[in-house]
Amino acid sequence: MDAQTTWTMLAAGLAMAVIGTIGGMVRARAPLAWHAHIPWNGLAFGGVAIALVAAAHLFSLLRAG
């Protein structure tokens, strides 16, 4: 994987984490709405996991030169 793909994965992971967090907050405000049935916690967790893996890979790319 090259650096551009890693930056894209990092941005996508952070976006997923932010969307999942906002979705969880909205679910708490309206627990019976249609969007309350979407697994926001899973989306946030997946986003954080992707961002963490991308950040570690980016760190290894930058350290290798």
PDB file of N, CA and C in Angstrom:
ATOM      1  N   MET A   1       0.833  -1.157   0.000  1.00  0.00           N
ATOM      2  CA  MET A   1       0.000   0.000   0.000  1.00  0.00           C
ATOM      3  C   MET A   1       0.892   1.239   0.000  1.00  0.00           C
ATOM      4  N   ASP A   2       0.527   2.208  -0.786  1.00  0.00           N
ATOM      5  CA  ASP A   2       1.330   3.421  -0.850  1.00  0.00           C
ATOM      6  C   ASP A   2       0.785   4.482   0.107  1.00  0.00           C
ATOM      7  N   ALA A   3       1.450   5.611   0.158  1.00  0.00           N
ATOM      8  CA  ALA A   3       1.090   6.658   1.118  1.00  0.00           C
ATOM      9  C   ALA A   3      -0.264   7.287   0.801  1.00  0.00           C
ATOM     10  N   GLN A   4      -0.583   7.429  -0.476  1.00  0.00           N
ATOM     11  CA  GLN A   4      -1.860   8.053  -0.840  1.00  0.00           C
ATOM     12  C   GLN A   4      -3.040   7.187  -0.389  1.00  0.00           C
ATOM     13  N   THR A   5      -2.931   5.891  -0.570  1.00  0.00           N
ATOM     14  CA  THR A   5      -3.981   4.987  -0.114  1.00  0.00           C
ATOM     15  C   THR A   5      -4.100   5.008   1.407  1.00  0.00           C
ATOM     16  N   THR A   6      -2.971   5.102   2.088  1.00  0.00           N
ATOM     17  CA  THR A   6      -2.986   5.150   3.547  1.00  0.00           C
ATOM     18  C   THR A   6      -3.636   6.431   4.043  1.00  0.00           C
ATOM     19  N   TRP A   7      -3.340   7.564   3.427  1.00  0.00           N
ATOM     20  CA  TRP A   7      -3.989   8.818   3.815  1.00  0.00           C
ATOM     21  C   TRP A   7      -5.498   8.748   3.573  1.00  0.00           C
ATOM     22  N   THR A   8      -5.894   8.121   2.466  1.00  0.00           N
ATOM     23  CA  THR A   8      -7.315   7.967   2.162  1.00  0.00           C
ATOM     24  C   THR A   8      -7.996   7.090   3.207  1.00  0.00           C
ATOM     25  N   MET A   9      -7.343   5.997   3.598  1.00  0.00           N
ATOM     26  CA  MET A   9      -7.899   5.136   4.638  1.00  0.00           C
ATOM     27  C   MET A   9      -8.002   5.872   5.967  1.00  0.00           C
ATOM     28  N   LEU A  10      -7.017   6.681   6.290  1.00  0.00           N
ATOM     29  CA  LEU A  10      -7.041   7.439   7.530  1.00  0.00           C
ATOM     30  C   LEU A  10      -8.209   8.431   7.530  1.00  0.00           C
ATOM     31  N   ALA A  11      -8.385   9.135   6.427  1.00  0.00           N
ATOM     32  CA  ALA A  11      -9.486  10.097   6.331  1.00  0.00           C
ATOM     33  C   ALA A  11     -10.840   9.394   6.377  1.00  0.00           C
ATOM     34  N   ALA A  12     -10.966   8.269   5.697  1.00  0.00           N
ATOM     35  CA  ALA A  12     -12.227   7.528   5.714  1.00  0.00           C
ATOM     36  C   ALA A  12     -12.524   6.982   7.107  1.00  0.00           C
ATOM     37  N   GLY A  13     -11.521   6.483   7.788  1.00  0.00           N
ATOM     38  CA  GLY A  13     -11.718   5.977   9.136  1.00  0.00           C
ATOM     39  C   GLY A  13     -12.137   7.065  10.099  1.00  0.00           C
ATOM     40  N   LEU A  14     -11.507   8.222  10.005  1.00  0.00           N
ATOM     41  CA  LEU A  14     -11.890   9.333  10.873  1.00  0.00           C
ATOM     42  C   LEU A  14     -13.298   9.821  10.555  1.00  0.00           C
ATOM     43  N   ALA A  15     -13.655   9.848   9.280  1.00  0.00           N
ATOM     44  CA  ALA A  15     -15.012  10.254   8.902  1.00  0.00           C
ATOM     45  C   ALA A  15     -16.039   9.259   9.435  1.00  0.00           C
ATOM     46  N   MET A  16     -15.737   7.965   9.340  1.00  0.00           N
ATOM     47  CA  MET A  16     -16.654   6.957   9.880  1.00  0.00           C
ATOM     48  C   MET A  16     -16.814   7.105  11.386  1.00  0.00           C
ATOM     49  N   ALA A  17     -15.725   7.376  12.077  1.00  0.00           N
ATOM     50  CA  ALA A  17     -15.783   7.536  13.527  1.00  0.00           C
ATOM     51  C   ALA A  17     -16.625   8.755  13.910  1.00  0.00           C
ATOM     52  N   VAL A  18     -16.454   9.843  13.194  1.00  0.00           N
ATOM     53  CA  VAL A  18     -17.230  11.058  13.489  1.00  0.00           C
ATOM     54  C   VAL A  18     -18.710  10.833  13.183  1.00  0.00           C
ATOM     55  N   ILE A  19     -19.013  10.218  12.050  1.00  0.00           N
ATOM     56  CA  ILE A  19     -20.413   9.950  11.694  1.00  0.00           C
ATOM     57  C   ILE A  19     -21.052   9.004  12.705  1.00  0.00           C
ATOM     58  N   GLY A  20     -20.312   7.988  13.131  1.00  0.00           N
ATOM     59  CA  GLY A  20     -20.840   7.064  14.133  1.00  0.00           C
ATOM     60  C   GLY A  20     -21.093   7.737  15.468  1.00  0.00           C
ATOM     61  N   THR A  21     -20.214   8.640  15.863  1.00  0.00           N
ATOM     62  CA  THR A  21     -20.402   9.365  17.116  1.00  0.00           C
ATOM     63  C   THR A  21     -21.610  10.292  17.043  1.00  0.00           C
ATOM     64  N   ILE A  22     -21.738  11.009  15.950  1.00  0.00           N
ATOM     65  CA  ILE A  22     -22.889  11.900  15.780  1.00  0.00           C
ATOM     66  C   ILE A  22     -24.182  11.085  15.718  1.00  0.00           C
ATOM     67  N   GLY A  23     -24.154   9.969  15.033  1.00  0.00           N
ATOM     68  CA  GLY A  23     -25.334   9.109  14.974  1.00  0.00           C
ATOM     69  C   GLY A  23     -25.737   8.575  16.334  1.00  0.00           C
ATOM     70  N   GLY A  24     -24.765   8.236  17.170  1.00  0.00           N
ATOM     71  CA  GLY A  24     -25.072   7.785  18.518  1.00  0.00           C
ATOM     72  C   GLY A  24     -25.701   8.875  19.365  1.00  0.00           C
ATOM     73  N   MET A  25     -25.223  10.102  19.195  1.00  0.00           N
ATOM     74  CA  MET A  25     -25.811  11.212  19.942  1.00  0.00           C
ATOM     75  C   MET A  25     -27.238  11.493  19.468  1.00  0.00           C
ATOM     76  N   VAL A  26     -27.464  11.389  18.168  1.00  0.00           N
ATOM     77  CA  VAL A  26     -28.810  11.627  17.633  1.00  0.00           C
ATOM     78  C   VAL A  26     -29.754  10.510  18.077  1.00  0.00           C
ATOM     79  N   ARG A  27     -29.246   9.276  18.155  1.00  0.00           N
ATOM     80  CA  ARG A  27     -30.078   8.165  18.614  1.00  0.00           C
ATOM     81  C   ARG A  27     -30.523   8.381  20.055  1.00  0.00           C
ATOM     82  N   ALA A  28     -29.663   8.956  20.876  1.00  0.00           N
ATOM     83  CA  ALA A  28     -30.028   9.210  22.266  1.00  0.00           C
ATOM     84  C   ALA A  28     -31.131  10.267  22.378  1.00  0.00           C
ATOM     85  N   ARG A  29     -31.180  11.200  21.437  1.00  0.00           N
ATOM     86  CA  ARG A  29     -32.207  12.244  21.466  1.00  0.00           C
ATOM     87  C   ARG A  29     -33.544  11.752  20.958  1.00  0.00           C
ATOM     88  N   ALA A  30     -33.546  10.828  19.988  1.00  0.00           N
ATOM     89  CA  ALA A  30     -34.792  10.323  19.400  1.00  0.00           C
ATOM     90  C   ALA A  30     -34.702   8.801  19.294  1.00  0.00           C
ATOM     91  N   PRO A  31     -34.946   8.085  20.392  1.00  0.00           N
ATOM     92  CA  PRO A  31     -34.727   6.631  20.388  1.00  0.00           C
ATOM     93  C   PRO A  31     -35.716   5.828  19.551  1.00  0.00           C
ATOM     94  N   LEU A  32     -36.822   6.420  19.115  1.00  0.00           N
ATOM     95  CA  LEU A  32     -37.803   5.674  18.329  1.00  0.00           C
ATOM     96  C   LEU A  32     -37.796   6.053  16.849  1.00  0.00           C
ATOM     97  N   ALA A  33     -36.876   6.884  16.422  1.00  0.00           N
ATOM     98  CA  ALA A  33     -36.805   7.311  15.018  1.00  0.00           C
ATOM     99  C   ALA A  33     -36.177   6.208  14.161  1.00  0.00           C
ATOM    100  N   TRP A  34     -36.260   6.363  12.855  1.00  0.00           N
ATOM    101  CA  TRP A  34     -35.753   5.336  11.943  1.00  0.00           C
ATOM    102  C   TRP A  34     -34.251   5.161  12.069  1.00  0.00           C
ATOM    103  N   HIS A  35     -33.537   6.240  12.353  1.00  0.00           N
ATOM    104  CA  HIS A  35     -32.080   6.163  12.410  1.00  0.00           C
ATOM    105  C   HIS A  35     -31.580   5.562  13.718  1.00  0.00           C
ATOM    106  N   ALA A  36     -32.474   5.325  14.661  1.00  0.00           N
ATOM    107  CA  ALA A  36     -32.057   4.724  15.928  1.00  0.00           C
ATOM    108  C   ALA A  36     -31.743   3.235  15.759  1.00  0.00           C
ATOM    109  N   HIS A  37     -32.162   2.646  14.655  1.00  0.00           N
ATOM    110  CA  HIS A  37     -31.936   1.212  14.433  1.00  0.00           C
ATOM    111  C   HIS A  37     -30.639   0.921  13.680  1.00  0.00           C
ATOM    112  N   ILE A  38     -29.911   1.928  13.306  1.00  0.00           N
ATOM    113  CA  ILE A  38     -28.623   1.753  12.626  1.00  0.00           C
ATOM    114  C   ILE A  38     -27.554   1.520  13.688  1.00  0.00           C
ATOM    115  N   PRO A  39     -26.660   0.569  13.483  1.00  0.00           N
ATOM    116  CA  PRO A  39     -25.637   0.281  14.506  1.00  0.00           C
ATOM    117  C   PRO A  39     -24.520   1.333  14.529  1.00  0.00           C
ATOM    118  N   TRP A  40     -24.793   2.469  15.125  1.00  0.00           N
ATOM    119  CA  TRP A  40     -23.852   3.578  15.144  1.00  0.00           C
ATOM    120  C   TRP A  40     -22.589   3.248  15.913  1.00  0.00           C
ATOM    121  N   ASN A  41     -22.721   2.488  17.009  1.00  0.00           N
ATOM    122  CA  ASN A  41     -21.537   2.139  17.791  1.00  0.00           C
ATOM    123  C   ASN A  41     -20.575   1.282  16.969  1.00  0.00           C
ATOM    124  N   GLY A  42     -21.118   0.377  16.179  1.00  0.00           N
ATOM    125  CA  GLY A  42     -20.275  -0.449  15.317  1.00  0.00           C
ATOM    126  C   GLY A  42     -19.586   0.371  14.247  1.00  0.00           C
ATOM    127  N   LEU A  43     -20.290   1.344  13.703  1.00  0.00           N
ATOM    128  CA  LEU A  43     -19.688   2.220  12.696  1.00  0.00           C
ATOM    129  C   LEU A  43     -18.549   3.038  13.307  1.00  0.00           C
ATOM    130  N   ALA A  44     -18.774   3.549  14.508  1.00  0.00           N
ATOM    131  CA  ALA A  44     -17.727   4.325  15.182  1.00  0.00           C
ATOM    132  C   ALA A  44     -16.523   3.438  15.506  1.00  0.00           C
ATOM    133  N   PHE A  45     -16.778   2.223  15.983  1.00  0.00           N
ATOM    134  CA  PHE A  45     -15.687   1.312  16.297  1.00  0.00           C
ATOM    135  C   PHE A  45     -14.898   0.941  15.043  1.00  0.00           C
ATOM    136  N   GLY A  46     -15.596   0.643  13.957  1.00  0.00           N
ATOM    137  CA  GLY A  46     -14.912   0.323  12.711  1.00  0.00           C
ATOM    138  C   GLY A  46     -14.077   1.483  12.201  1.00  0.00           C
ATOM    139  N   GLY A  47     -14.598   2.688  12.323  1.00  0.00           N
ATOM    140  CA  GLY A  47     -13.850   3.861  11.897  1.00  0.00           C
ATOM    141  C   GLY A  47     -12.589   4.073  12.712  1.00  0.00           C
ATOM    142  N   VAL A  48     -12.699   3.889  14.022  1.00  0.00           N
ATOM    143  CA  VAL A  48     -11.518   4.040  14.870  1.00  0.00           C
ATOM    144  C   VAL A  48     -10.494   2.955  14.562  1.00  0.00           C
ATOM    145  N   ALA A  49     -10.959   1.736  14.319  1.00  0.00           N
ATOM    146  CA  ALA A  49     -10.032   0.644  13.997  1.00  0.00           C
ATOM    147  C   ALA A  49      -9.317   0.904  12.676  1.00  0.00           C
ATOM    148  N   ILE A  50     -10.044   1.347  11.662  1.00  0.00           N
ATOM    149  CA  ILE A  50      -9.431   1.648  10.369  1.00  0.00           C
ATOM    150  C   ILE A  50      -8.438   2.802  10.504  1.00  0.00           C
ATOM    151  N   ALA A  51      -8.815   3.834  11.249  1.00  0.00           N
ATOM    152  CA  ALA A  51      -7.909   4.976  11.435  1.00  0.00           C
ATOM    153  C   ALA A  51      -6.648   4.562  12.183  1.00  0.00           C
ATOM    154  N   LEU A  52      -6.789   3.685  13.165  1.00  0.00           N
ATOM    155  CA  LEU A  52      -5.625   3.232  13.923  1.00  0.00           C
ATOM    156  C   LEU A  52      -4.672   2.421  13.045  1.00  0.00           C
ATOM    157  N   VAL A  53      -5.206   1.517  12.251  1.00  0.00           N
ATOM    158  CA  VAL A  53      -4.363   0.722  11.358  1.00  0.00           C
ATOM    159  C   VAL A  53      -3.697   1.617  10.314  1.00  0.00           C
ATOM    160  N   ALA A  54      -4.451   2.571   9.761  1.00  0.00           N
ATOM    161  CA  ALA A  54      -3.875   3.479   8.768  1.00  0.00           C
ATOM    162  C   ALA A  54      -2.798   4.367   9.384  1.00  0.00           C
ATOM    163  N   ALA A  55      -3.014   4.833  10.607  1.00  0.00           N
ATOM    164  CA  ALA A  55      -2.010   5.667  11.259  1.00  0.00           C
ATOM    165  C   ALA A  55      -0.735   4.880  11.541  1.00  0.00           C
ATOM    166  N   ALA A  56      -0.876   3.641  11.983  1.00  0.00           N
ATOM    167  CA  ALA A  56       0.302   2.810  12.217  1.00  0.00           C
ATOM    168  C   ALA A  56       1.042   2.537  10.916  1.00  0.00           C
ATOM    169  N   HIS A  57       0.300   2.286   9.841  1.00  0.00           N
ATOM    170  CA  HIS A  57       0.941   2.041   8.549  1.00  0.00           C
ATOM    171  C   HIS A  57       1.614   3.303   8.030  1.00  0.00           C
ATOM    172  N   LEU A  58       0.964   4.448   8.214  1.00  0.00           N
ATOM    173  CA  LEU A  58       1.565   5.706   7.780  1.00  0.00           C
ATOM    174  C   LEU A  58       2.833   5.990   8.567  1.00  0.00           C
ATOM    175  N   PHE A  59       2.828   5.711   9.853  1.00  0.00           N
ATOM    176  CA  PHE A  59       4.020   5.897  10.678  1.00  0.00           C
ATOM    177  C   PHE A  59       5.161   5.006  10.173  1.00  0.00           C
ATOM    178  N   SER A  60       4.850   3.759   9.827  1.00  0.00           N
ATOM    179  CA  SER A  60       5.898   2.877   9.322  1.00  0.00           C
ATOM    180  C   SER A  60       6.409   3.321   7.948  1.00  0.00           C
ATOM    181  N   LEU A  61       5.526   3.881   7.126  1.00  0.00           N
ATOM    182  CA  LEU A  61       5.958   4.402   5.819  1.00  0.00           C
ATOM    183  C   LEU A  61       6.879   5.606   6.002  1.00  0.00           C
ATOM    184  N   LEU A  62       6.513   6.500   6.917  1.00  0.00           N
ATOM    185  CA  LEU A  62       7.334   7.689   7.126  1.00  0.00           C
ATOM    186  C   LEU A  62       8.670   7.349   7.776  1.00  0.00           C
ATOM    187  N   ARG A  63       8.678   6.350   8.654  1.00  0.00           N
ATOM    188  CA  ARG A  63       9.909   5.955   9.309  1.00  0.00           C
ATOM    189  C   ARG A  63      10.862   5.253   8.354  1.00  0.00           C
ATOM    190  N   ALA A  64      10.317   4.507   7.383  1.00  0.00           N
ATOM    191  CA  ALA A  64      11.153   3.814   6.413  1.00  0.00           C
ATOM    192  C   ALA A  64      11.794   4.775   5.420  1.00  0.00           C
ATOM    193  N   GLY A  65      11.177   5.928   5.268  1.00  0.00           N
ATOM    194  CA  GLY A  65      11.779   6.928   4.405  1.00  0.00           C
ATOM    195  C   GLY A  65      11.101   6.986   3.110  1.00  0.00           C
TER     196      GLY A  65
END
